Amino acid sequence: MENCIFCKIVERSIPSKVVFENENVLAFEDLNPQAPTHILIIPKKHIATLNDVAQEDQWLLGEVILSGAAIAKDRHINTSGYRLVANTNAGAGQSVFHVHFHLLGGRSLAWPPG
């Protein structure tokens, strides 16, 4: 998408601190971290919200989730605990309309989250 900041990060027209990449997924440090580990994990394919995920995209979201688990293990937060969060639409806090998951960890995370 032409005006999507995450698509521009995928295209490398906007810099980011990439921590993981494969053919379908890109993960990078959040610019405004809310925890010691705060990484955004996105599919390279533009999908605006979880409401827009098609049946044929289920493998892609599975790959995003597996990437999050691998990054958590690499960051040594897999045993202490982490959160993988996706916000859908503005009312839930989605500010960039490209599906993304927040990987949060490295500190105690309260519940409920909001």
C-alpha atoms as a PDB file:
ATOM      1  CA  MET A   1       0.000   0.000   0.000  1.00  0.00           C
ATOM      2  CA  GLU A   2       1.288   3.364  -1.015  1.00  0.00           C
ATOM      3  CA  ASN A   3       0.962   5.213   2.309  1.00  0.00           C
ATOM      4  CA  CYS A   4       1.526   2.329   4.716  1.00  0.00           C
ATOM      5  CA  ILE A   5       4.537   2.963   6.952  1.00  0.00           C
ATOM      6  CA  PHE A   6       5.084  -0.770   7.515  1.00  0.00           C
ATOM      7  CA  CYS A   7       5.050  -1.457   3.764  1.00  0.00           C
ATOM      8  CA  LYS A   8       7.690   1.263   3.428  1.00  0.00           C
ATOM      9  CA  ILE A   9       9.756  -0.473   6.117  1.00  0.00           C
ATOM     10  CA  VAL A  10       9.428  -3.758   4.184  1.00  0.00           C
ATOM     11  CA  GLU A  11      10.578  -1.923   1.033  1.00  0.00           C
ATOM     12  CA  ARG A  12      13.454  -0.369   3.027  1.00  0.00           C
ATOM     13  CA  SER A  13      12.407   3.168   2.077  1.00  0.00           C
ATOM     14  CA  ILE A  14      12.055   3.852   5.825  1.00  0.00           C
ATOM     15  CA  PRO A  15      14.848   2.591   8.092  1.00  0.00           C
ATOM     16  CA  SER A  16      14.228   0.276  11.006  1.00  0.00           C
ATOM     17  CA  LYS A  17      16.226  -1.938  13.333  1.00  0.00           C
ATOM     18  CA  VAL A  18      15.413  -5.335  11.851  1.00  0.00           C
ATOM     19  CA  VAL A  19      15.804  -8.271  14.243  1.00  0.00           C
ATOM     20  CA  PHE A  20      14.339 -11.035  12.057  1.00  0.00           C
ATOM     21  CA  GLU A  21      13.467 -11.485   8.423  1.00  0.00           C
ATOM     22  CA  ASN A  22      12.509 -14.266   6.084  1.00  0.00           C
ATOM     23  CA  GLU A  23      10.625 -14.392   2.790  1.00  0.00           C
ATOM     24  CA  ASN A  24       7.239 -13.629   4.379  1.00  0.00           C
ATOM     25  CA  VAL A  25       7.853 -11.977   7.760  1.00  0.00           C
ATOM     26  CA  LEU A  26       9.751  -8.948   9.033  1.00  0.00           C
ATOM     27  CA  ALA A  27      10.373  -8.098  12.697  1.00  0.00           C
ATOM     28  CA  PHE A  28      11.861  -4.864  13.981  1.00  0.00           C
ATOM     29  CA  GLU A  29      12.322  -2.888  17.195  1.00  0.00           C
ATOM     30  CA  ASP A  30       9.413  -0.652  18.207  1.00  0.00           C
ATOM     31  CA  LEU A  31      10.307   3.052  18.194  1.00  0.00           C
ATOM     32  CA  ASN A  32       8.367   3.609  21.426  1.00  0.00           C
ATOM     33  CA  PRO A  33       9.085   0.490  23.503  1.00  0.00           C
ATOM     34  CA  GLN A  34       6.678  -0.387  26.294  1.00  0.00           C
ATOM     35  CA  ALA A  35       8.898  -3.161  27.708  1.00  0.00           C
ATOM     36  CA  PRO A  36      12.607  -4.061  27.596  1.00  0.00           C
ATOM     37  CA  THR A  37      11.745  -6.280  24.635  1.00  0.00           C
ATOM     38  CA  HIS A  38       9.214  -4.670  22.301  1.00  0.00           C
ATOM     39  CA  ILE A  39       9.385  -5.931  18.753  1.00  0.00           C
ATOM     40  CA  LEU A  40       6.848  -5.525  15.970  1.00  0.00           C
ATOM     41  CA  ILE A  41       6.323  -8.606  13.815  1.00  0.00           C
ATOM     42  CA  ILE A  42       4.562  -8.138  10.491  1.00  0.00           C
ATOM     43  CA  PRO A  43       3.673 -10.142   7.434  1.00  0.00           C
ATOM     44  CA  LYS A  44       5.350  -8.621   4.394  1.00  0.00           C
ATOM     45  CA  LYS A  45       2.021  -8.907   2.604  1.00  0.00           C
ATOM     46  CA  HIS A  46      -0.161  -5.891   3.333  1.00  0.00           C
ATOM     47  CA  ILE A  47      -3.286  -6.848   5.274  1.00  0.00           C
ATOM     48  CA  ALA A  48      -4.942  -3.883   6.986  1.00  0.00           C
ATOM     49  CA  THR A  49      -6.507  -5.559  10.037  1.00  0.00           C
ATOM     50  CA  LEU A  50      -7.202  -9.024  11.387  1.00  0.00           C
ATOM     51  CA  ASN A  51     -10.721  -8.516  10.034  1.00  0.00           C
ATOM     52  CA  ASP A  52      -9.203  -8.532   6.539  1.00  0.00           C
ATOM     53  CA  VAL A  53      -7.335 -11.826   6.859  1.00  0.00           C
ATOM     54  CA  ALA A  54      -8.464 -14.273   4.186  1.00  0.00           C
ATOM     55  CA  GLN A  55      -8.595 -18.051   4.495  1.00  0.00           C
ATOM     56  CA  GLU A  56      -5.497 -18.349   2.316  1.00  0.00           C
ATOM     57  CA  ASP A  57      -3.556 -16.149   4.792  1.00  0.00           C
ATOM     58  CA  GLN A  58      -3.845 -18.515   7.753  1.00  0.00           C
ATOM     59  CA  TRP A  59      -0.402 -20.049   7.062  1.00  0.00           C
ATOM     60  CA  LEU A  60       1.073 -16.531   6.928  1.00  0.00           C
ATOM     61  CA  LEU A  61      -0.264 -15.589  10.359  1.00  0.00           C
ATOM     62  CA  GLY A  62       0.977 -18.913  11.678  1.00  0.00           C
ATOM     63  CA  GLU A  63       4.415 -18.006  10.361  1.00  0.00           C
ATOM     64  CA  VAL A  64       4.209 -14.616  12.098  1.00  0.00           C
ATOM     65  CA  ILE A  65       3.354 -16.309  15.414  1.00  0.00           C
ATOM     66  CA  LEU A  66       6.118 -18.901  15.039  1.00  0.00           C
ATOM     67  CA  SER A  67       8.543 -16.073  14.292  1.00  0.00           C
ATOM     68  CA  GLY A  68       7.470 -14.365  17.517  1.00  0.00           C
ATOM     69  CA  ALA A  69       8.157 -17.520  19.515  1.00  0.00           C
ATOM     70  CA  ALA A  70      11.594 -17.877  17.877  1.00  0.00           C
ATOM     71  CA  ILE A  71      12.480 -14.248  18.642  1.00  0.00           C
ATOM     72  CA  ALA A  72      11.326 -14.687  22.259  1.00  0.00           C
ATOM     73  CA  LYS A  73      13.610 -17.699  22.578  1.00  0.00           C
ATOM     74  CA  ASP A  74      16.492 -15.790  20.967  1.00  0.00           C
ATOM     75  CA  ARG A  75      15.920 -12.902  23.418  1.00  0.00           C
ATOM     76  CA  HIS A  76      15.776 -15.342  26.370  1.00  0.00           C
ATOM     77  CA  ILE A  77      12.277 -14.303  27.425  1.00  0.00           C
ATOM     78  CA  ASN A  78      10.570 -17.533  26.391  1.00  0.00           C
ATOM     79  CA  THR A  79      10.759 -19.081  29.858  1.00  0.00           C
ATOM     80  CA  SER A  80      10.153 -15.954  31.949  1.00  0.00           C
ATOM     81  CA  GLY A  81       7.140 -15.029  29.824  1.00  0.00           C
ATOM     82  CA  TYR A  82       6.153 -12.756  26.998  1.00  0.00           C
ATOM     83  CA  ARG A  83       3.092 -11.395  25.308  1.00  0.00           C
ATOM     84  CA  LEU A  84       2.254 -11.485  21.597  1.00  0.00           C
ATOM     85  CA  VAL A  85      -0.491  -8.926  21.001  1.00  0.00           C
ATOM     86  CA  ALA A  86      -2.420  -7.806  17.930  1.00  0.00           C
ATOM     87  CA  ASN A  87      -4.695  -4.773  18.143  1.00  0.00           C
ATOM     88  CA  THR A  88      -7.574  -4.585  15.668  1.00  0.00           C
ATOM     89  CA  ASN A  89      -8.977  -1.188  14.693  1.00  0.00           C
ATOM     90  CA  ALA A  90      -8.551   2.163  16.392  1.00  0.00           C
ATOM     91  CA  GLY A  91     -10.759   1.357  19.397  1.00  0.00           C
ATOM     92  CA  ALA A  92      -8.317  -1.395  20.382  1.00  0.00           C
ATOM     93  CA  GLY A  93      -5.261   0.799  19.812  1.00  0.00           C
ATOM     94  CA  GLN A  94      -4.305  -0.077  16.235  1.00  0.00           C
ATOM     95  CA  SER A  95      -2.575   3.000  14.839  1.00  0.00           C
ATOM     96  CA  VAL A  96      -0.882   1.463  11.779  1.00  0.00           C
ATOM     97  CA  PHE A  97      -3.302  -0.359   9.533  1.00  0.00           C
ATOM     98  CA  HIS A  98      -1.064  -3.226   8.526  1.00  0.00           C
ATOM     99  CA  VAL A  99      -1.514  -6.374  10.609  1.00  0.00           C
ATOM    100  CA  HIS A 100       1.227  -6.542  13.213  1.00  0.00           C
ATOM    101  CA  PHE A 101       1.938  -8.266  16.472  1.00  0.00           C
ATOM    102  CA  HIS A 102       3.733  -6.703  19.433  1.00  0.00           C
ATOM    103  CA  LEU A 103       6.197  -9.021  21.144  1.00  0.00           C
ATOM    104  CA  LEU A 104       6.538  -7.714  24.703  1.00  0.00           C
ATOM    105  CA  GLY A 105       8.703  -9.136  27.453  1.00  0.00           C
ATOM    106  CA  GLY A 106      11.633  -8.655  29.756  1.00  0.00           C
ATOM    107  CA  ARG A 107       9.514  -7.385  32.649  1.00  0.00           C
ATOM    108  CA  SER A 108       6.431  -8.432  34.570  1.00  0.00           C
ATOM    109  CA  LEU A 109       3.302  -7.725  32.521  1.00  0.00           C
ATOM    110  CA  ALA A 110       0.102  -6.847  34.388  1.00  0.00           C
ATOM    111  CA  TRP A 111      -3.368  -8.220  33.697  1.00  0.00           C
ATOM    112  CA  PRO A 112      -5.742  -6.977  32.500  1.00  0.00           C
ATOM    113  CA  PRO A 113      -3.549  -5.211  29.942  1.00  0.00           C
ATOM    114  CA  GLY A 114      -5.635  -2.083  29.286  1.00  0.00           C
END
